[in-house]
Amino acid sequence: MSRPGPKIPPLSLTDAQRAVLEGWVRRRRTTAQALAQRSRIVLECADGHSIMEVSRRLRITPDTVRT
């Protein structure tokens, strides 16, 4: 059985910040892919997911999430 991994410190976003990040994720053709990926990571972390869970959900390395 896998362990969920360490929790990241609480990350709170205002509604305006969340809207900007979600906009960057949705505008795939006009947004740099690195920016879109970082936005997805921040949104997942703000939802309270652990580093390991975010890395599994987005199929990226845990080190990328930590950064």
PDB file of N, CA and C in Angstrom:
ATOM      1  N   MET A   1       0.846  -1.177   0.000  1.00  0.00           N
ATOM      2  CA  MET A   1       0.000   0.000   0.000  1.00  0.00           C
ATOM      3  C   MET A   1       0.887   1.234   0.000  1.00  0.00           C
ATOM      4  N   SER A   2       0.612   2.166  -0.895  1.00  0.00           N
ATOM      5  CA  SER A   2       1.444   3.367  -0.959  1.00  0.00           C
ATOM      6  C   SER A   2       1.012   4.379   0.088  1.00  0.00           C
ATOM      7  N   ARG A   3       1.975   5.123   0.531  1.00  0.00           N
ATOM      8  CA  ARG A   3       1.696   6.164   1.518  1.00  0.00           C
ATOM      9  C   ARG A   3       1.406   7.458   0.778  1.00  0.00           C
ATOM     10  N   PRO A   4       0.595   8.334   1.331  1.00  0.00           N
ATOM     11  CA  PRO A   4       0.213   9.539   0.623  1.00  0.00           C
ATOM     12  C   PRO A   4       1.325  10.573   0.484  1.00  0.00           C
ATOM     13  N   GLY A   5       2.383  10.465   1.236  1.00  0.00           N
ATOM     14  CA  GLY A   5       3.470  11.433   1.141  1.00  0.00           C
ATOM     15  C   GLY A   5       3.240  12.629   2.051  1.00  0.00           C
ATOM     16  N   PRO A   6       4.268  13.462   2.174  1.00  0.00           N
ATOM     17  CA  PRO A   6       4.148  14.601   3.081  1.00  0.00           C
ATOM     18  C   PRO A   6       3.176  15.639   2.545  1.00  0.00           C
ATOM     19  N   LYS A   7       2.520  16.294   3.453  1.00  0.00           N
ATOM     20  CA  LYS A   7       1.620  17.379   3.072  1.00  0.00           C
ATOM     21  C   LYS A   7       2.444  18.643   2.874  1.00  0.00           C
ATOM     22  N   ILE A   8       2.033  19.447   1.937  1.00  0.00           N
ATOM     23  CA  ILE A   8       2.705  20.726   1.727  1.00  0.00           C
ATOM     24  C   ILE A   8       2.075  21.748   2.669  1.00  0.00           C
ATOM     25  N   PRO A   9       2.783  22.830   2.954  1.00  0.00           N
ATOM     26  CA  PRO A   9       2.182  23.856   3.806  1.00  0.00           C
ATOM     27  C   PRO A   9       0.902  24.378   3.157  1.00  0.00           C
ATOM     28  N   PRO A  10      -0.064  24.792   3.954  1.00  0.00           N
ATOM     29  CA  PRO A  10      -1.325  25.286   3.391  1.00  0.00           C
ATOM     30  C   PRO A  10      -1.068  26.400   2.370  1.00  0.00           C
ATOM     31  N   LEU A  11      -1.777  26.313   1.278  1.00  0.00           N
ATOM     32  CA  LEU A  11      -1.650  27.289   0.208  1.00  0.00           C
ATOM     33  C   LEU A  11      -3.031  27.853  -0.040  1.00  0.00           C
ATOM     34  N   SER A  12      -3.197  29.125   0.197  1.00  0.00           N
ATOM     35  CA  SER A  12      -4.512  29.717  -0.020  1.00  0.00           C
ATOM     36  C   SER A  12      -4.446  30.677  -1.203  1.00  0.00           C
ATOM     37  N   LEU A  13      -5.492  30.628  -2.001  1.00  0.00           N
ATOM     38  CA  LEU A  13      -5.597  31.487  -3.172  1.00  0.00           C
ATOM     39  C   LEU A  13      -6.865  32.317  -3.062  1.00  0.00           C
ATOM     40  N   THR A  14      -6.778  33.555  -3.495  1.00  0.00           N
ATOM     41  CA  THR A  14      -7.987  34.360  -3.576  1.00  0.00           C
ATOM     42  C   THR A  14      -8.775  33.899  -4.795  1.00  0.00           C
ATOM     43  N   ASP A  15     -10.019  34.290  -4.873  1.00  0.00           N
ATOM     44  CA  ASP A  15     -10.822  33.931  -6.041  1.00  0.00           C
ATOM     45  C   ASP A  15     -10.207  34.492  -7.316  1.00  0.00           C
ATOM     46  N   ALA A  16      -9.654  35.690  -7.234  1.00  0.00           N
ATOM     47  CA  ALA A  16      -9.035  36.307  -8.413  1.00  0.00           C
ATOM     48  C   ALA A  16      -7.789  35.533  -8.845  1.00  0.00           C
ATOM     49  N   GLN A  17      -6.957  35.126  -7.882  1.00  0.00           N
ATOM     50  CA  GLN A  17      -5.761  34.346  -8.210  1.00  0.00           C
ATOM     51  C   GLN A  17      -6.142  33.011  -8.835  1.00  0.00           C
ATOM     52  N   ARG A  18      -7.142  32.356  -8.269  1.00  0.00           N
ATOM     53  CA  ARG A  18      -7.593  31.070  -8.803  1.00  0.00           C
ATOM     54  C   ARG A  18      -8.116  31.246 -10.234  1.00  0.00           C
ATOM     55  N   ALA A  19      -8.856  32.312 -10.483  1.00  0.00           N
ATOM     56  CA  ALA A  19      -9.399  32.561 -11.817  1.00  0.00           C
ATOM     57  C   ALA A  19      -8.282  32.765 -12.841  1.00  0.00           C
ATOM     58  N   VAL A  20      -7.226  33.491 -12.461  1.00  0.00           N
ATOM     59  CA  VAL A  20      -6.102  33.706 -13.375  1.00  0.00           C
ATOM     60  C   VAL A  20      -5.404  32.388 -13.685  1.00  0.00           C
ATOM     61  N   LEU A  21      -5.132  31.587 -12.659  1.00  0.00           N
ATOM     62  CA  LEU A  21      -4.469  30.300 -12.860  1.00  0.00           C
ATOM     63  C   LEU A  21      -5.310  29.372 -13.734  1.00  0.00           C
ATOM     64  N   GLU A  22      -6.608  29.317 -13.460  1.00  0.00           N
ATOM     65  CA  GLU A  22      -7.484  28.464 -14.261  1.00  0.00           C
ATOM     66  C   GLU A  22      -7.545  28.949 -15.708  1.00  0.00           C
ATOM     67  N   GLY A  23      -7.484  30.248 -15.901  1.00  0.00           N
ATOM     68  CA  GLY A  23      -7.451  30.801 -17.251  1.00  0.00           C
ATOM     69  C   GLY A  23      -6.197  30.377 -17.997  1.00  0.00           C
ATOM     70  N   TRP A  24      -5.060  30.393 -17.324  1.00  0.00           N
ATOM     71  CA  TRP A  24      -3.806  29.971 -17.946  1.00  0.00           C
ATOM     72  C   TRP A  24      -3.843  28.495 -18.312  1.00  0.00           C
ATOM     73  N   VAL A  25      -4.479  27.693 -17.484  1.00  0.00           N
ATOM     74  CA  VAL A  25      -4.579  26.259 -17.772  1.00  0.00           C
ATOM     75  C   VAL A  25      -5.465  26.024 -18.998  1.00  0.00           C
ATOM     76  N   ARG A  26      -6.560  26.761 -19.106  1.00  0.00           N
ATOM     77  CA  ARG A  26      -7.501  26.563 -20.212  1.00  0.00           C
ATOM     78  C   ARG A  26      -6.985  27.089 -21.550  1.00  0.00           C
ATOM     79  N   ARG A  27      -6.191  28.142 -21.567  1.00  0.00           N
ATOM     80  CA  ARG A  27      -5.728  28.747 -22.818  1.00  0.00           C
ATOM     81  C   ARG A  27      -4.499  28.008 -23.329  1.00  0.00           C
ATOM     82  N   ARG A  28      -4.624  26.777 -23.636  1.00  0.00           N
ATOM     83  CA  ARG A  28      -3.490  25.920 -23.991  1.00  0.00           C
ATOM     84  C   ARG A  28      -2.710  26.426 -25.197  1.00  0.00           C
ATOM     85  N   ARG A  29      -3.368  26.938 -26.203  1.00  0.00           N
ATOM     86  CA  ARG A  29      -2.653  27.322 -27.419  1.00  0.00           C
ATOM     87  C   ARG A  29      -1.874  28.618 -27.260  1.00  0.00           C
ATOM     88  N   THR A  30      -2.351  29.494 -26.399  1.00  0.00           N
ATOM     89  CA  THR A  30      -1.681  30.787 -26.279  1.00  0.00           C
ATOM     90  C   THR A  30      -0.818  30.910 -25.034  1.00  0.00           C
ATOM     91  N   THR A  31      -0.863  29.919 -24.161  1.00  0.00           N
ATOM     92  CA  THR A  31      -0.075  29.943 -22.936  1.00  0.00           C
ATOM     93  C   THR A  31       1.097  28.977 -23.073  1.00  0.00           C
ATOM     94  N   ALA A  32       2.257  29.409 -22.651  1.00  0.00           N
ATOM     95  CA  ALA A  32       3.413  28.514 -22.644  1.00  0.00           C
ATOM     96  C   ALA A  32       3.080  27.284 -21.799  1.00  0.00           C
ATOM     97  N   GLN A  33       3.476  26.117 -22.275  1.00  0.00           N
ATOM     98  CA  GLN A  33       3.141  24.880 -21.572  1.00  0.00           C
ATOM     99  C   GLN A  33       3.736  24.828 -20.171  1.00  0.00           C
ATOM    100  N   ALA A  34       4.901  25.409 -19.976  1.00  0.00           N
ATOM    101  CA  ALA A  34       5.512  25.425 -18.644  1.00  0.00           C
ATOM    102  C   ALA A  34       4.647  26.230 -17.674  1.00  0.00           C
ATOM    103  N   LEU A  35       4.114  27.357 -18.131  1.00  0.00           N
ATOM    104  CA  LEU A  35       3.249  28.177 -17.290  1.00  0.00           C
ATOM    105  C   LEU A  35       1.952  27.438 -16.981  1.00  0.00           C
ATOM    106  N   ALA A  36       1.389  26.769 -17.960  1.00  0.00           N
ATOM    107  CA  ALA A  36       0.162  26.009 -17.742  1.00  0.00           C
ATOM    108  C   ALA A  36       0.397  24.886 -16.730  1.00  0.00           C
ATOM    109  N   GLN A  37       1.542  24.206 -16.842  1.00  0.00           N
ATOM    110  CA  GLN A  37       1.845  23.133 -15.904  1.00  0.00           C
ATOM    111  C   GLN A  37       2.027  23.679 -14.489  1.00  0.00           C
ATOM    112  N   ARG A  38       2.744  24.773 -14.361  1.00  0.00           N
ATOM    113  CA  ARG A  38       2.917  25.370 -13.022  1.00  0.00           C
ATOM    114  C   ARG A  38       1.567  25.770 -12.447  1.00  0.00           C
ATOM    115  N   SER A  39       0.681  26.288 -13.283  1.00  0.00           N
ATOM    116  CA  SER A  39      -0.651  26.675 -12.821  1.00  0.00           C
ATOM    117  C   SER A  39      -1.423  25.460 -12.322  1.00  0.00           C
ATOM    118  N   ARG A  40      -1.348  24.344 -13.049  1.00  0.00           N
ATOM    119  CA  ARG A  40      -2.020  23.124 -12.611  1.00  0.00           C
ATOM    120  C   ARG A  40      -1.479  22.665 -11.264  1.00  0.00           C
ATOM    121  N   ILE A  41      -0.158  22.727 -11.100  1.00  0.00           N
ATOM    122  CA  ILE A  41       0.472  22.307  -9.841  1.00  0.00           C
ATOM    123  C   ILE A  41      -0.031  23.169  -8.691  1.00  0.00           C
ATOM    124  N   VAL A  42      -0.036  24.475  -8.876  1.00  0.00           N
ATOM    125  CA  VAL A  42      -0.475  25.380  -7.810  1.00  0.00           C
ATOM    126  C   VAL A  42      -1.941  25.121  -7.461  1.00  0.00           C
ATOM    127  N   LEU A  43      -2.783  24.933  -8.470  1.00  0.00           N
ATOM    128  CA  LEU A  43      -4.197  24.675  -8.204  1.00  0.00           C
ATOM    129  C   LEU A  43      -4.387  23.365  -7.444  1.00  0.00           C
ATOM    130  N   GLU A  44      -3.672  22.324  -7.819  1.00  0.00           N
ATOM    131  CA  GLU A  44      -3.766  21.037  -7.112  1.00  0.00           C
ATOM    132  C   GLU A  44      -3.290  21.186  -5.662  1.00  0.00           C
ATOM    133  N   CYS A  45      -2.193  21.904  -5.469  1.00  0.00           N
ATOM    134  CA  CYS A  45      -1.677  22.105  -4.109  1.00  0.00           C
ATOM    135  C   CYS A  45      -2.647  22.931  -3.275  1.00  0.00           C
ATOM    136  N   ALA A  46      -3.265  23.918  -3.900  1.00  0.00           N
ATOM    137  CA  ALA A  46      -4.231  24.751  -3.179  1.00  0.00           C
ATOM    138  C   ALA A  46      -5.455  23.946  -2.765  1.00  0.00           C
ATOM    139  N   ASP A  47      -5.741  22.859  -3.490  1.00  0.00           N
ATOM    140  CA  ASP A  47      -6.859  21.993  -3.120  1.00  0.00           C
ATOM    141  C   ASP A  47      -6.490  21.042  -1.988  1.00  0.00           C
ATOM    142  N   GLY A  48      -5.235  21.122  -1.508  1.00  0.00           N
ATOM    143  CA  GLY A  48      -4.827  20.357  -0.335  1.00  0.00           C
ATOM    144  C   GLY A  48      -4.230  18.991  -0.620  1.00  0.00           C
ATOM    145  N   HIS A  49      -3.880  18.721  -1.865  1.00  0.00           N
ATOM    146  CA  HIS A  49      -3.292  17.429  -2.202  1.00  0.00           C
ATOM    147  C   HIS A  49      -1.816  17.388  -1.806  1.00  0.00           C
ATOM    148  N   SER A  50      -1.335  16.196  -1.469  1.00  0.00           N
ATOM    149  CA  SER A  50       0.068  16.028  -1.096  1.00  0.00           C
ATOM    150  C   SER A  50       0.947  16.099  -2.343  1.00  0.00           C
ATOM    151  N   ILE A  51       2.240  16.239  -2.120  1.00  0.00           N
ATOM    152  CA  ILE A  51       3.201  16.304  -3.219  1.00  0.00           C
ATOM    153  C   ILE A  51       3.107  15.049  -4.068  1.00  0.00           C
ATOM    154  N   MET A  52       3.063  13.894  -3.430  1.00  0.00           N
ATOM    155  CA  MET A  52       2.997  12.630  -4.161  1.00  0.00           C
ATOM    156  C   MET A  52       1.691  12.503  -4.938  1.00  0.00           C
ATOM    157  N   GLU A  53       0.615  12.939  -4.352  1.00  0.00           N
ATOM    158  CA  GLU A  53      -0.672  12.852  -5.028  1.00  0.00           C
ATOM    159  C   GLU A  53      -0.711  13.765  -6.253  1.00  0.00           C
ATOM    160  N   VAL A  54      -0.185  14.978  -6.100  1.00  0.00           N
ATOM    161  CA  VAL A  54      -0.132  15.905  -7.235  1.00  0.00           C
ATOM    162  C   VAL A  54       0.750  15.325  -8.335  1.00  0.00           C
ATOM    163  N   SER A  55       1.882  14.761  -7.963  1.00  0.00           N
ATOM    164  CA  SER A  55       2.781  14.207  -8.982  1.00  0.00           C
ATOM    165  C   SER A  55       2.126  13.047  -9.722  1.00  0.00           C
ATOM    166  N   ARG A  56       1.373  12.224  -9.009  1.00  0.00           N
ATOM    167  CA  ARG A  56       0.671  11.111  -9.676  1.00  0.00           C
ATOM    168  C   ARG A  56      -0.442  11.625 -10.575  1.00  0.00           C
ATOM    169  N   ARG A  57      -1.219  12.576 -10.082  1.00  0.00           N
ATOM    170  CA  ARG A  57      -2.355  13.082 -10.850  1.00  0.00           C
ATOM    171  C   ARG A  57      -1.909  13.775 -12.133  1.00  0.00           C
ATOM    172  N   LEU A  58      -0.800  14.514 -12.060  1.00  0.00           N
ATOM    173  CA  LEU A  58      -0.329  15.267 -13.219  1.00  0.00           C
ATOM    174  C   LEU A  58       0.748  14.527 -14.005  1.00  0.00           C
ATOM    175  N   ARG A  59       1.149  13.349 -13.494  1.00  0.00           N
ATOM    176  CA  ARG A  59       2.173  12.527 -14.156  1.00  0.00           C
ATOM    177  C   ARG A  59       3.488  13.286 -14.336  1.00  0.00           C
ATOM    178  N   ILE A  60       3.942  13.855 -13.223  1.00  0.00           N
ATOM    179  CA  ILE A  60       5.220  14.566 -13.181  1.00  0.00           C
ATOM    180  C   ILE A  60       5.985  14.078 -11.958  1.00  0.00           C
ATOM    181  N   THR A  61       7.244  14.438 -11.856  1.00  0.00           N
ATOM    182  CA  THR A  61       8.041  13.977 -10.725  1.00  0.00           C
ATOM    183  C   THR A  61       7.710  14.784  -9.468  1.00  0.00           C
ATOM    184  N   PRO A  62       7.851  14.157  -8.290  1.00  0.00           N
ATOM    185  CA  PRO A  62       7.632  14.890  -7.048  1.00  0.00           C
ATOM    186  C   PRO A  62       8.554  16.109  -6.919  1.00  0.00           C
ATOM    187  N   ASP A  63       9.786  16.016  -7.456  1.00  0.00           N
ATOM    188  CA  ASP A  63      10.695  17.157  -7.400  1.00  0.00           C
ATOM    189  C   ASP A  63      10.144  18.358  -8.163  1.00  0.00           C
ATOM    190  N   THR A  64       9.448  18.100  -9.251  1.00  0.00           N
ATOM    191  CA  THR A  64       8.837  19.196 -10.003  1.00  0.00           C
ATOM    192  C   THR A  64       7.772  19.882  -9.160  1.00  0.00           C
ATOM    193  N   VAL A  65       6.995  19.116  -8.440  1.00  0.00           N
ATOM    194  CA  VAL A  65       5.947  19.688  -7.574  1.00  0.00           C
ATOM    195  C   VAL A  65       6.596  20.491  -6.450  1.00  0.00           C
ATOM    196  N   ARG A  66       7.643  19.942  -5.842  1.00  0.00           N
ATOM    197  CA  ARG A  66       8.314  20.648  -4.752  1.00  0.00           C
ATOM    198  C   ARG A  66       8.875  21.993  -5.189  1.00  0.00           C
ATOM    199  N   THR A  67       9.396  22.035  -6.408  1.00  0.00           N
ATOM    200  CA  THR A  67       9.994  23.265  -6.914  1.00  0.00           C
ATOM    201  C   THR A  67       8.936  24.318  -7.078  1.00  0.00           C
TER     202      THR A  67
END
